[in-house]
Amino acid sequence: MAMPSRGGIVTHHIEDIATLYASYLSFVDNGAIFVPSDRVQNLGDEVFVAITLPNSSERLPMNGKVIWINRKAQGNRPAGFAVQIGQDASGQRIKNEVERLLAGKVDSQQATYTM
C-alpha cells in the first residue's frame, strides 16, 4: 500500500453506529468516509487513514482521495473532509464492513455531516 504524497496520514476512530451513519457518503462511487478535522486538505489530495469502526479495536488502513470538504463547522456539520474509499482489497473490506454495520440505514433520510 503506497503512502500518500500530499494529504498525509490521519487516524480516525468512529465510536458508534450513529456517528458512522453521519460519516458515510453512500452516494459516492465505492463510498466515502467523512473525517472531522481542522487539518487543511484540498480536493484530490491523497490521504492515508487508519480507521477504527464501531465495536472494533482494529485499525483498518485506507488509501483514498479527498472528495468533500467542510472548511468550517456549521450547525451539526463539523469541519473536516471526506475520503473516497479505494478500490483495493483494504478499501473493499472497509466498504463491506461499513455497509454491514449500517444495514437498512444506508439510504435513510437522516442528516449527515455532508448533506
PDB file of N, CA and C in Angstrom:
ATOM      1  N   MET A   1       0.850  -1.170   0.000  1.00  0.00           N
ATOM      2  CA  MET A   1       0.000   0.000   0.000  1.00  0.00           C
ATOM      3  C   MET A   1       0.900   1.239   0.000  1.00  0.00           C
ATOM      4  N   ALA A   2       0.813   2.073  -1.016  1.00  0.00           N
ATOM      5  CA  ALA A   2       1.649   3.257  -1.128  1.00  0.00           C
ATOM      6  C   ALA A   2       1.177   4.350  -0.188  1.00  0.00           C
ATOM      7  N   MET A   3       2.129   5.079   0.346  1.00  0.00           N
ATOM      8  CA  MET A   3       1.796   6.190   1.226  1.00  0.00           C
ATOM      9  C   MET A   3       1.443   7.405   0.373  1.00  0.00           C
ATOM     10  N   PRO A   4       0.528   8.255   0.843  1.00  0.00           N
ATOM     11  CA  PRO A   4       0.118   9.419   0.072  1.00  0.00           C
ATOM     12  C   PRO A   4       1.239  10.447  -0.024  1.00  0.00           C
ATOM     13  N   SER A   5       1.229  11.217  -1.087  1.00  0.00           N
ATOM     14  CA  SER A   5       2.293  12.188  -1.286  1.00  0.00           C
ATOM     15  C   SER A   5       1.959  13.553  -0.702  1.00  0.00           C
ATOM     16  N   ARG A   6       0.691  13.949  -0.629  1.00  0.00           N
ATOM     17  CA  ARG A   6       0.381  15.308  -0.194  1.00  0.00           C
ATOM     18  C   ARG A   6      -0.539  15.382   1.006  1.00  0.00           C
ATOM     19  N   GLY A   7      -1.534  14.545   1.100  1.00  0.00           N
ATOM     20  CA  GLY A   7      -2.570  14.708   2.118  1.00  0.00           C
ATOM     21  C   GLY A   7      -2.189  14.223   3.501  1.00  0.00           C
ATOM     22  N   GLY A   8      -1.221  13.336   3.578  1.00  0.00           N
ATOM     23  CA  GLY A   8      -0.740  12.897   4.869  1.00  0.00           C
ATOM     24  C   GLY A   8      -1.436  11.668   5.412  1.00  0.00           C
ATOM     25  N   ILE A   9      -1.138  11.414   6.692  1.00  0.00           N
ATOM     26  CA  ILE A   9      -1.679  10.266   7.403  1.00  0.00           C
ATOM     27  C   ILE A   9      -2.590  10.763   8.508  1.00  0.00           C
ATOM     28  N   VAL A  10      -3.768  10.138   8.613  1.00  0.00           N
ATOM     29  CA  VAL A  10      -4.780  10.553   9.585  1.00  0.00           C
ATOM     30  C   VAL A  10      -5.303   9.318  10.304  1.00  0.00           C
ATOM     31  N   THR A  11      -5.534   9.423  11.609  1.00  0.00           N
ATOM     32  CA  THR A  11      -6.223   8.346  12.317  1.00  0.00           C
ATOM     33  C   THR A  11      -7.631   8.836  12.615  1.00  0.00           C
ATOM     34  N   HIS A  12      -8.587   7.907  12.534  1.00  0.00           N
ATOM     35  CA  HIS A  12      -9.988   8.279  12.754  1.00  0.00           C
ATOM     36  C   HIS A  12     -10.710   7.125  13.444  1.00  0.00           C
ATOM     37  N   HIS A  13     -11.217   7.398  14.637  1.00  0.00           N
ATOM     38  CA  HIS A  13     -11.976   6.407  15.402  1.00  0.00           C
ATOM     39  C   HIS A  13     -13.450   6.791  15.364  1.00  0.00           C
ATOM     40  N   ILE A  14     -14.276   5.890  14.878  1.00  0.00           N
ATOM     41  CA  ILE A  14     -15.720   6.121  14.836  1.00  0.00           C
ATOM     42  C   ILE A  14     -16.328   5.327  15.983  1.00  0.00           C
ATOM     43  N   GLU A  15     -16.870   6.034  16.961  1.00  0.00           N
ATOM     44  CA  GLU A  15     -17.296   5.415  18.211  1.00  0.00           C
ATOM     45  C   GLU A  15     -18.563   4.582  18.141  1.00  0.00           C
ATOM     46  N   ASP A  16     -19.543   5.021  17.346  1.00  0.00           N
ATOM     47  CA  ASP A  16     -20.834   4.335  17.372  1.00  0.00           C
ATOM     48  C   ASP A  16     -21.494   4.361  15.993  1.00  0.00           C
ATOM     49  N   ILE A  17     -22.590   3.630  15.876  1.00  0.00           N
ATOM     50  CA  ILE A  17     -23.294   3.492  14.591  1.00  0.00           C
ATOM     51  C   ILE A  17     -23.865   4.824  14.119  1.00  0.00           C
ATOM     52  N   ALA A  18     -24.372   5.652  15.040  1.00  0.00           N
ATOM     53  CA  ALA A  18     -24.922   6.957  14.647  1.00  0.00           C
ATOM     54  C   ALA A  18     -23.841   7.827  14.008  1.00  0.00           C
ATOM     55  N   THR A  19     -22.650   7.814  14.574  1.00  0.00           N
ATOM     56  CA  THR A  19     -21.543   8.590  14.015  1.00  0.00           C
ATOM     57  C   THR A  19     -21.099   8.001  12.682  1.00  0.00           C
ATOM     58  N   LEU A  20     -21.081   6.678  12.582  1.00  0.00           N
ATOM     59  CA  LEU A  20     -20.741   6.035  11.317  1.00  0.00           C
ATOM     60  C   LEU A  20     -21.739   6.436  10.235  1.00  0.00           C
ATOM     61  N   TYR A  21     -23.026   6.413  10.565  1.00  0.00           N
ATOM     62  CA  TYR A  21     -24.047   6.816   9.595  1.00  0.00           C
ATOM     63  C   TYR A  21     -23.801   8.253   9.125  1.00  0.00           C
ATOM     64  N   ALA A  22     -23.542   9.152  10.078  1.00  0.00           N
ATOM     65  CA  ALA A  22     -23.326  10.559   9.743  1.00  0.00           C
ATOM     66  C   ALA A  22     -22.061  10.761   8.920  1.00  0.00           C
ATOM     67  N   SER A  23     -21.116   9.830   9.037  1.00  0.00           N
ATOM     68  CA  SER A  23     -19.819   9.946   8.367  1.00  0.00           C
ATOM     69  C   SER A  23     -19.761   9.296   6.993  1.00  0.00           C
ATOM     70  N   TYR A  24     -20.694   8.402   6.680  1.00  0.00           N
ATOM     71  CA  TYR A  24     -20.606   7.608   5.452  1.00  0.00           C
ATOM     72  C   TYR A  24     -21.321   8.292   4.300  1.00  0.00           C
ATOM     73  N   LEU A  25     -20.636   8.428   3.175  1.00  0.00           N
ATOM     74  CA  LEU A  25     -21.209   9.010   1.970  1.00  0.00           C
ATOM     75  C   LEU A  25     -21.508   7.877   0.991  1.00  0.00           C
ATOM     76  N   SER A  26     -22.705   7.327   1.081  1.00  0.00           N
ATOM     77  CA  SER A  26     -23.077   6.186   0.244  1.00  0.00           C
ATOM     78  C   SER A  26     -23.284   6.580  -1.213  1.00  0.00           C
ATOM     79  N   PHE A  27     -23.529   7.853  -1.484  1.00  0.00           N
ATOM     80  CA  PHE A  27     -23.809   8.311  -2.840  1.00  0.00           C
ATOM     81  C   PHE A  27     -22.541   8.469  -3.687  1.00  0.00           C
ATOM     82  N   VAL A  28     -21.371   8.333  -3.073  1.00  0.00           N
ATOM     83  CA  VAL A  28     -20.097   8.429  -3.782  1.00  0.00           C
ATOM     84  C   VAL A  28     -19.729   7.045  -4.322  1.00  0.00           C
ATOM     85  N   ASP A  29     -19.167   6.991  -5.525  1.00  0.00           N
ATOM     86  CA  ASP A  29     -18.747   5.722  -6.110  1.00  0.00           C
ATOM     87  C   ASP A  29     -17.801   5.003  -5.149  1.00  0.00           C
ATOM     88  N   ASN A  30     -18.157   3.822  -4.713  1.00  0.00           N
ATOM     89  CA  ASN A  30     -17.447   2.978  -3.754  1.00  0.00           C
ATOM     90  C   ASN A  30     -17.518   3.514  -2.323  1.00  0.00           C
ATOM     91  N   GLY A  31     -18.267   4.585  -2.097  1.00  0.00           N
ATOM     92  CA  GLY A  31     -18.440   5.126  -0.758  1.00  0.00           C
ATOM     93  C   GLY A  31     -17.294   6.028  -0.338  1.00  0.00           C
ATOM     94  N   ALA A  32     -17.533   6.788   0.729  1.00  0.00           N
ATOM     95  CA  ALA A  32     -16.511   7.674   1.286  1.00  0.00           C
ATOM     96  C   ALA A  32     -16.793   7.825   2.774  1.00  0.00           C
ATOM     97  N   ILE A  33     -15.769   8.199   3.514  1.00  0.00           N
ATOM     98  CA  ILE A  33     -15.875   8.404   4.954  1.00  0.00           C
ATOM     99  C   ILE A  33     -15.486   9.841   5.259  1.00  0.00           C
ATOM    100  N   PHE A  34     -16.348  10.536   6.012  1.00  0.00           N
ATOM    101  CA  PHE A  34     -16.062  11.893   6.455  1.00  0.00           C
ATOM    102  C   PHE A  34     -15.207  11.834   7.712  1.00  0.00           C
ATOM    103  N   VAL A  35     -14.140  12.627   7.730  1.00  0.00           N
ATOM    104  CA  VAL A  35     -13.212  12.676   8.854  1.00  0.00           C
ATOM    105  C   VAL A  35     -13.275  14.076   9.463  1.00  0.00           C
ATOM    106  N   PRO A  36     -13.887  14.221  10.646  1.00  0.00           N
ATOM    107  CA  PRO A  36     -13.899  15.533  11.301  1.00  0.00           C
ATOM    108  C   PRO A  36     -12.465  15.957  11.615  1.00  0.00           C
ATOM    109  N   SER A  37     -12.095  17.162  11.195  1.00  0.00           N
ATOM    110  CA  SER A  37     -10.724  17.608  11.385  1.00  0.00           C
ATOM    111  C   SER A  37     -10.602  19.093  11.075  1.00  0.00           C
ATOM    112  N   ASP A  38      -9.669  19.751  11.738  1.00  0.00           N
ATOM    113  CA  ASP A  38      -9.320  21.130  11.397  1.00  0.00           C
ATOM    114  C   ASP A  38      -8.138  21.174  10.432  1.00  0.00           C
ATOM    115  N   ARG A  39      -7.634  20.005  10.104  1.00  0.00           N
ATOM    116  CA  ARG A  39      -6.490  19.885   9.199  1.00  0.00           C
ATOM    117  C   ARG A  39      -6.889  20.349   7.799  1.00  0.00           C
ATOM    118  N   VAL A  40      -6.062  21.169   7.186  1.00  0.00           N
ATOM    119  CA  VAL A  40      -6.365  21.695   5.859  1.00  0.00           C
ATOM    120  C   VAL A  40      -6.064  20.627   4.808  1.00  0.00           C
ATOM    121  N   GLN A  41      -7.060  20.321   3.993  1.00  0.00           N
ATOM    122  CA  GLN A  41      -6.915  19.397   2.867  1.00  0.00           C
ATOM    123  C   GLN A  41      -7.485  20.082   1.639  1.00  0.00           C
ATOM    124  N   ASN A  42      -7.080  19.624   0.494  1.00  0.00           N
ATOM    125  CA  ASN A  42      -7.607  20.123  -0.771  1.00  0.00           C
ATOM    126  C   ASN A  42      -8.263  18.984  -1.524  1.00  0.00           C
ATOM    127  N   LEU A  43      -9.246  19.317  -2.350  1.00  0.00           N
ATOM    128  CA  LEU A  43      -9.873  18.300  -3.180  1.00  0.00           C
ATOM    129  C   LEU A  43      -8.808  17.600  -4.010  1.00  0.00           C
ATOM    130  N   GLY A  44      -8.876  16.281  -4.053  1.00  0.00           N
ATOM    131  CA  GLY A  44      -7.925  15.498  -4.826  1.00  0.00           C
ATOM    132  C   GLY A  44      -6.693  15.060  -4.059  1.00  0.00           C
ATOM    133  N   ASP A  45      -6.457  15.623  -2.853  1.00  0.00           N
ATOM    134  CA  ASP A  45      -5.321  15.172  -2.051  1.00  0.00           C
ATOM    135  C   ASP A  45      -5.454  13.689  -1.767  1.00  0.00           C
ATOM    136  N   GLU A  46      -4.346  12.984  -1.822  1.00  0.00           N
ATOM    137  CA  GLU A  46      -4.329  11.576  -1.434  1.00  0.00           C
ATOM    138  C   GLU A  46      -4.040  11.511   0.057  1.00  0.00           C
ATOM    139  N   VAL A  47      -4.849  10.712   0.757  1.00  0.00           N
ATOM    140  CA  VAL A  47      -4.743  10.614   2.212  1.00  0.00           C
ATOM    141  C   VAL A  47      -4.738   9.148   2.612  1.00  0.00           C
ATOM    142  N   PHE A  48      -3.950   8.839   3.624  1.00  0.00           N
ATOM    143  CA  PHE A  48      -3.958   7.508   4.224  1.00  0.00           C
ATOM    144  C   PHE A  48      -4.656   7.651   5.570  1.00  0.00           C
ATOM    145  N   VAL A  49      -5.735   6.878   5.771  1.00  0.00           N
ATOM    146  CA  VAL A  49      -6.496   6.941   7.014  1.00  0.00           C
ATOM    147  C   VAL A  49      -6.417   5.586   7.710  1.00  0.00           C
ATOM    148  N   ALA A  50      -6.046   5.615   8.976  1.00  0.00           N
ATOM    149  CA  ALA A  50      -6.133   4.424   9.818  1.00  0.00           C
ATOM    150  C   ALA A  50      -7.457   4.563  10.555  1.00  0.00           C
ATOM    151  N   ILE A  51      -8.454   3.801  10.137  1.00  0.00           N
ATOM    152  CA  ILE A  51      -9.813   3.966  10.629  1.00  0.00           C
ATOM    153  C   ILE A  51     -10.188   2.826  11.570  1.00  0.00           C
ATOM    154  N   THR A  52     -10.859   3.172  12.652  1.00  0.00           N
ATOM    155  CA  THR A  52     -11.390   2.186  13.582  1.00  0.00           C
ATOM    156  C   THR A  52     -12.909   2.313  13.562  1.00  0.00           C
ATOM    157  N   LEU A  53     -13.585   1.221  13.235  1.00  0.00           N
ATOM    158  CA  LEU A  53     -15.050   1.221  13.144  1.00  0.00           C
ATOM    159  C   LEU A  53     -15.672   0.871  14.490  1.00  0.00           C
ATOM    160  N   PRO A  54     -16.964   1.170  14.667  1.00  0.00           N
ATOM    161  CA  PRO A  54     -17.638   0.857  15.924  1.00  0.00           C
ATOM    162  C   PRO A  54     -17.512  -0.618  16.297  1.00  0.00           C
ATOM    163  N   ASN A  55     -17.441  -0.883  17.592  1.00  0.00           N
ATOM    164  CA  ASN A  55     -17.372  -2.242  18.140  1.00  0.00           C
ATOM    165  C   ASN A  55     -16.118  -2.994  17.714  1.00  0.00           C
ATOM    166  N   SER A  56     -15.056  -2.262  17.399  1.00  0.00           N
ATOM    167  CA  SER A  56     -13.810  -2.896  16.991  1.00  0.00           C
ATOM    168  C   SER A  56     -12.643  -2.077  17.529  1.00  0.00           C
ATOM    169  N   SER A  57     -11.539  -2.746  17.790  1.00  0.00           N
ATOM    170  CA  SER A  57     -10.322  -2.038  18.186  1.00  0.00           C
ATOM    171  C   SER A  57      -9.281  -2.090  17.064  1.00  0.00           C
ATOM    172  N   GLU A  58      -9.643  -2.769  15.965  1.00  0.00           N
ATOM    173  CA  GLU A  58      -8.712  -2.925  14.841  1.00  0.00           C
ATOM    174  C   GLU A  58      -8.674  -1.660  13.985  1.00  0.00           C
ATOM    175  N   ARG A  59      -7.465  -1.170  13.736  1.00  0.00           N
ATOM    176  CA  ARG A  59      -7.296  -0.042  12.826  1.00  0.00           C
ATOM    177  C   ARG A  59      -7.161  -0.582  11.414  1.00  0.00           C
ATOM    178  N   LEU A  60      -8.073  -0.167  10.566  1.00  0.00           N
ATOM    179  CA  LEU A  60      -8.071  -0.619   9.170  1.00  0.00           C
ATOM    180  C   LEU A  60      -7.409   0.445   8.295  1.00  0.00           C
ATOM    181  N   PRO A  61      -6.468   0.059   7.441  1.00  0.00           N
ATOM    182  CA  PRO A  61      -5.792   1.024   6.574  1.00  0.00           C
ATOM    183  C   PRO A  61      -6.638   1.360   5.350  1.00  0.00           C
ATOM    184  N   MET A  62      -6.699   2.654   5.033  1.00  0.00           N
ATOM    185  CA  MET A  62      -7.491   3.076   3.885  1.00  0.00           C
ATOM    186  C   MET A  62      -6.758   4.183   3.137  1.00  0.00           C
ATOM    187  N   ASN A  63      -6.469   3.942   1.878  1.00  0.00           N
ATOM    188  CA  ASN A  63      -5.953   4.979   0.981  1.00  0.00           C
ATOM    189  C   ASN A  63      -7.126   5.551   0.217  1.00  0.00           C
ATOM    190  N   GLY A  64      -7.117   6.841   0.006  1.00  0.00           N
ATOM    191  CA  GLY A  64      -8.179   7.432  -0.791  1.00  0.00           C
ATOM    192  C   GLY A  64      -7.888   8.878  -1.123  1.00  0.00           C
ATOM    193  N   LYS A  65      -8.807   9.484  -1.858  1.00  0.00           N
ATOM    194  CA  LYS A  65      -8.676  10.882  -2.253  1.00  0.00           C
ATOM    195  C   LYS A  65      -9.741  11.713  -1.560  1.00  0.00           C
ATOM    196  N   VAL A  66      -9.371  12.934  -1.214  1.00  0.00           N
ATOM    197  CA  VAL A  66     -10.313  13.875  -0.616  1.00  0.00           C
ATOM    198  C   VAL A  66     -11.306  14.290  -1.695  1.00  0.00           C
ATOM    199  N   ILE A  67     -12.603  14.072  -1.420  1.00  0.00           N
ATOM    200  CA  ILE A  67     -13.631  14.388  -2.424  1.00  0.00           C
ATOM    201  C   ILE A  67     -14.684  15.354  -1.877  1.00  0.00           C
ATOM    202  N   TRP A  68     -14.579  15.736  -0.598  1.00  0.00           N
ATOM    203  CA  TRP A  68     -15.562  16.635   0.019  1.00  0.00           C
ATOM    204  C   TRP A  68     -14.864  17.383   1.132  1.00  0.00           C
ATOM    205  N   ILE A  69     -15.152  18.667   1.262  1.00  0.00           N
ATOM    206  CA  ILE A  69     -14.537  19.464   2.322  1.00  0.00           C
ATOM    207  C   ILE A  69     -15.586  20.350   2.978  1.00  0.00           C
ATOM    208  N   ASN A  70     -15.632  20.328   4.308  1.00  0.00           N
ATOM    209  CA  ASN A  70     -16.356  21.317   5.114  1.00  0.00           C
ATOM    210  C   ASN A  70     -15.258  22.161   5.751  1.00  0.00           C
ATOM    211  N   ARG A  71     -15.034  23.351   5.246  1.00  0.00           N
ATOM    212  CA  ARG A  71     -13.930  24.184   5.739  1.00  0.00           C
ATOM    213  C   ARG A  71     -14.130  24.614   7.192  1.00  0.00           C
ATOM    214  N   LYS A  72     -15.401  24.843   7.573  1.00  0.00           N
ATOM    215  CA  LYS A  72     -15.655  25.215   8.964  1.00  0.00           C
ATOM    216  C   LYS A  72     -16.958  24.577   9.424  1.00  0.00           C
ATOM    217  N   ALA A  73     -17.064  24.391  10.727  1.00  0.00           N
ATOM    218  CA  ALA A  73     -18.267  23.782  11.297  1.00  0.00           C
ATOM    219  C   ALA A  73     -19.460  24.703  11.075  1.00  0.00           C
ATOM    220  N   GLN A  74     -20.600  24.092  10.738  1.00  0.00           N
ATOM    221  CA  GLN A  74     -21.843  24.830  10.553  1.00  0.00           C
ATOM    222  C   GLN A  74     -22.976  23.953  11.034  1.00  0.00           C
ATOM    223  N   GLY A  75     -23.713  24.405  12.038  1.00  0.00           N
ATOM    224  CA  GLY A  75     -24.809  23.618  12.579  1.00  0.00           C
ATOM    225  C   GLY A  75     -24.293  22.303  13.133  1.00  0.00           C
ATOM    226  N   ASN A  76     -24.874  21.188  12.682  1.00  0.00           N
ATOM    227  CA  ASN A  76     -24.448  19.865  13.131  1.00  0.00           C
ATOM    228  C   ASN A  76     -23.373  19.253  12.230  1.00  0.00           C
ATOM    229  N   ARG A  77     -22.805  20.070  11.356  1.00  0.00           N
ATOM    230  CA  ARG A  77     -21.782  19.573  10.425  1.00  0.00           C
ATOM    231  C   ARG A  77     -20.408  20.094  10.838  1.00  0.00           C
ATOM    232  N   PRO A  78     -19.551  19.190  11.326  1.00  0.00           N
ATOM    233  CA  PRO A  78     -18.222  19.627  11.768  1.00  0.00           C
ATOM    234  C   PRO A  78     -17.304  19.954  10.596  1.00  0.00           C
ATOM    235  N   ALA A  79     -16.247  20.702  10.892  1.00  0.00           N
ATOM    236  CA  ALA A  79     -15.198  20.925   9.897  1.00  0.00           C
ATOM    237  C   ALA A  79     -14.535  19.576   9.625  1.00  0.00           C
ATOM    238  N   GLY A  80     -14.087  19.387   8.399  1.00  0.00           N
ATOM    239  CA  GLY A  80     -13.411  18.142   8.059  1.00  0.00           C
ATOM    240  C   GLY A  80     -13.449  17.882   6.568  1.00  0.00           C
ATOM    241  N   PHE A  81     -13.172  16.645   6.215  1.00  0.00           N
ATOM    242  CA  PHE A  81     -13.098  16.267   4.808  1.00  0.00           C
ATOM    243  C   PHE A  81     -13.527  14.809   4.654  1.00  0.00           C
ATOM    244  N   ALA A  82     -13.976  14.463   3.459  1.00  0.00           N
ATOM    245  CA  ALA A  82     -14.369  13.086   3.166  1.00  0.00           C
ATOM    246  C   ALA A  82     -13.353  12.476   2.215  1.00  0.00           C
ATOM    247  N   VAL A  83     -13.035  11.209   2.503  1.00  0.00           N
ATOM    248  CA  VAL A  83     -12.072  10.464   1.701  1.00  0.00           C
ATOM    249  C   VAL A  83     -12.806   9.328   0.989  1.00  0.00           C
ATOM    250  N   GLN A  84     -12.710   9.305  -0.339  1.00  0.00           N
ATOM    251  CA  GLN A  84     -13.324   8.233  -1.112  1.00  0.00           C
ATOM    252  C   GLN A  84     -12.602   6.927  -0.818  1.00  0.00           C
ATOM    253  N   ILE A  85     -13.367   5.887  -0.536  1.00  0.00           N
ATOM    254  CA  ILE A  85     -12.795   4.578  -0.233  1.00  0.00           C
ATOM    255  C   ILE A  85     -12.180   3.995  -1.501  1.00  0.00           C
ATOM    256  N   GLY A  86     -10.964   3.505  -1.379  1.00  0.00           N
ATOM    257  CA  GLY A  86     -10.237   2.955  -2.518  1.00  0.00           C
ATOM    258  C   GLY A  86     -10.848   1.655  -3.029  1.00  0.00           C
ATOM    259  N   GLN A  87     -10.481   1.289  -4.244  1.00  0.00           N
ATOM    260  CA  GLN A  87     -10.973   0.073  -4.891  1.00  0.00           C
ATOM    261  C   GLN A  87     -10.149  -1.161  -4.535  1.00  0.00           C
ATOM    262  N   ASP A  88      -9.058  -0.979  -3.765  1.00  0.00           N
ATOM    263  CA  ASP A  88      -8.196  -2.099  -3.408  1.00  0.00           C
ATOM    264  C   ASP A  88      -8.883  -3.008  -2.384  1.00  0.00           C
ATOM    265  N   ALA A  89      -8.229  -4.114  -2.044  1.00  0.00           N
ATOM    266  CA  ALA A  89      -8.819  -5.094  -1.122  1.00  0.00           C
ATOM    267  C   ALA A  89      -9.123  -4.479   0.244  1.00  0.00           C
ATOM    268  N   SER A  90      -8.241  -3.638   0.733  1.00  0.00           N
ATOM    269  CA  SER A  90      -8.456  -2.987   2.025  1.00  0.00           C
ATOM    270  C   SER A  90      -9.682  -2.070   1.974  1.00  0.00           C
ATOM    271  N   GLY A  91      -9.800  -1.316   0.887  1.00  0.00           N
ATOM    272  CA  GLY A  91     -10.952  -0.438   0.711  1.00  0.00           C
ATOM    273  C   GLY A  91     -12.257  -1.219   0.633  1.00  0.00           C
ATOM    274  N   GLN A  92     -12.232  -2.339  -0.098  1.00  0.00           N
ATOM    275  CA  GLN A  92     -13.436  -3.158  -0.221  1.00  0.00           C
ATOM    276  C   GLN A  92     -13.841  -3.746   1.130  1.00  0.00           C
ATOM    277  N   ARG A  93     -12.846  -4.117   1.926  1.00  0.00           N
ATOM    278  CA  ARG A  93     -13.133  -4.647   3.264  1.00  0.00           C
ATOM    279  C   ARG A  93     -13.825  -3.575   4.124  1.00  0.00           C
ATOM    280  N   ILE A  94     -13.307  -2.363   4.074  1.00  0.00           N
ATOM    281  CA  ILE A  94     -13.907  -1.269   4.848  1.00  0.00           C
ATOM    282  C   ILE A  94     -15.321  -0.992   4.353  1.00  0.00           C
ATOM    283  N   LYS A  95     -15.502  -0.867   3.037  1.00  0.00           N
ATOM    284  CA  LYS A  95     -16.833  -0.603   2.474  1.00  0.00           C
ATOM    285  C   LYS A  95     -17.822  -1.685   2.897  1.00  0.00           C
ATOM    286  N   ASN A  96     -17.427  -2.947   2.776  1.00  0.00           N
ATOM    287  CA  ASN A  96     -18.318  -4.054   3.146  1.00  0.00           C
ATOM    288  C   ASN A  96     -18.672  -4.018   4.628  1.00  0.00           C
ATOM    289  N   GLU A  97     -17.693  -3.728   5.478  1.00  0.00           N
ATOM    290  CA  GLU A  97     -17.939  -3.686   6.917  1.00  0.00           C
ATOM    291  C   GLU A  97     -18.839  -2.499   7.288  1.00  0.00           C
ATOM    292  N   VAL A  98     -18.599  -1.344   6.680  1.00  0.00           N
ATOM    293  CA  VAL A  98     -19.441  -0.169   6.935  1.00  0.00           C
ATOM    294  C   VAL A  98     -20.881  -0.463   6.532  1.00  0.00           C
ATOM    295  N   GLU A  99     -21.078  -1.026   5.361  1.00  0.00           N
ATOM    296  CA  GLU A  99     -22.432  -1.295   4.888  1.00  0.00           C
ATOM    297  C   GLU A  99     -23.100  -2.409   5.693  1.00  0.00           C
ATOM    298  N   ARG A 100     -22.315  -3.344   6.212  1.00  0.00           N
ATOM    299  CA  ARG A 100     -22.878  -4.361   7.102  1.00  0.00           C
ATOM    300  C   ARG A 100     -23.357  -3.703   8.400  1.00  0.00           C
ATOM    301  N   LEU A 101     -22.539  -2.823   8.956  1.00  0.00           N
ATOM    302  CA  LEU A 101     -22.908  -2.144  10.203  1.00  0.00           C
ATOM    303  C   LEU A 101     -24.113  -1.219  10.015  1.00  0.00           C
ATOM    304  N   LEU A 102     -24.251  -0.682   8.817  1.00  0.00           N
ATOM    305  CA  LEU A 102     -25.353   0.250   8.526  1.00  0.00           C
ATOM    306  C   LEU A 102     -26.521  -0.411   7.794  1.00  0.00           C
ATOM    307  N   ALA A 103     -26.594  -1.721   7.814  1.00  0.00           N
ATOM    308  CA  ALA A 103     -27.657  -2.447   7.096  1.00  0.00           C
ATOM    309  C   ALA A 103     -29.022  -1.836   7.392  1.00  0.00           C
ATOM    310  N   GLY A 104     -29.740  -1.490   6.326  1.00  0.00           N
ATOM    311  CA  GLY A 104     -31.070  -0.925   6.450  1.00  0.00           C
ATOM    312  C   GLY A 104     -31.086   0.570   6.708  1.00  0.00           C
ATOM    313  N   LYS A 105     -29.925   1.189   6.903  1.00  0.00           N
ATOM    314  CA  LYS A 105     -29.865   2.622   7.202  1.00  0.00           C
ATOM    315  C   LYS A 105     -29.148   3.435   6.135  1.00  0.00           C
ATOM    316  N   VAL A 106     -28.437   2.780   5.229  1.00  0.00           N
ATOM    317  CA  VAL A 106     -27.580   3.481   4.283  1.00  0.00           C
ATOM    318  C   VAL A 106     -28.318   4.565   3.516  1.00  0.00           C
ATOM    319  N   ASP A 107     -29.522   4.324   3.064  1.00  0.00           N
ATOM    320  CA  ASP A 107     -30.257   5.314   2.272  1.00  0.00           C
ATOM    321  C   ASP A 107     -31.337   6.026   3.073  1.00  0.00           C
ATOM    322  N   SER A 108     -31.163   6.103   4.366  1.00  0.00           N
ATOM    323  CA  SER A 108     -32.104   6.803   5.238  1.00  0.00           C
ATOM    324  C   SER A 108     -32.089   8.301   4.919  1.00  0.00           C
ATOM    325  N   GLN A 109     -33.073   9.012   5.399  1.00  0.00           N
ATOM    326  CA  GLN A 109     -33.169  10.449   5.159  1.00  0.00           C
ATOM    327  C   GLN A 109     -32.619  11.283   6.318  1.00  0.00           C
ATOM    328  N   GLN A 110     -31.953  10.643   7.284  1.00  0.00           N
ATOM    329  CA  GLN A 110     -31.378  11.367   8.412  1.00  0.00           C
ATOM    330  C   GLN A 110     -30.238  12.261   7.929  1.00  0.00           C
ATOM    331  N   ALA A 111     -30.031  13.380   8.617  1.00  0.00           N
ATOM    332  CA  ALA A 111     -28.954  14.297   8.283  1.00  0.00           C
ATOM    333  C   ALA A 111     -27.604  13.642   8.534  1.00  0.00           C
ATOM    334  N   THR A 112     -26.623  14.032   7.720  1.00  0.00           N
ATOM    335  CA  THR A 112     -25.262  13.530   7.874  1.00  0.00           C
ATOM    336  C   THR A 112     -24.316  14.714   8.009  1.00  0.00           C
ATOM    337  N   TYR A 113     -23.045  14.446   8.103  1.00  0.00           N
ATOM    338  CA  TYR A 113     -22.049  15.510   8.201  1.00  0.00           C
ATOM    339  C   TYR A 113     -21.848  16.256   6.887  1.00  0.00           C
ATOM    340  N   THR A 114     -22.374  15.707   5.792  1.00  0.00           N
ATOM    341  CA  THR A 114     -22.162  16.335   4.487  1.00  0.00           C
ATOM    342  C   THR A 114     -23.435  16.856   3.828  1.00  0.00           C
ATOM    343  N   MET A 115     -24.560  16.173   4.070  1.00  0.00           N
ATOM    344  CA  MET A 115     -25.803  16.602   3.405  1.00  0.00           C
ATOM    345  C   MET A 115     -26.956  16.517   4.363  1.00  0.00           C
TER     346      MET A 115
END
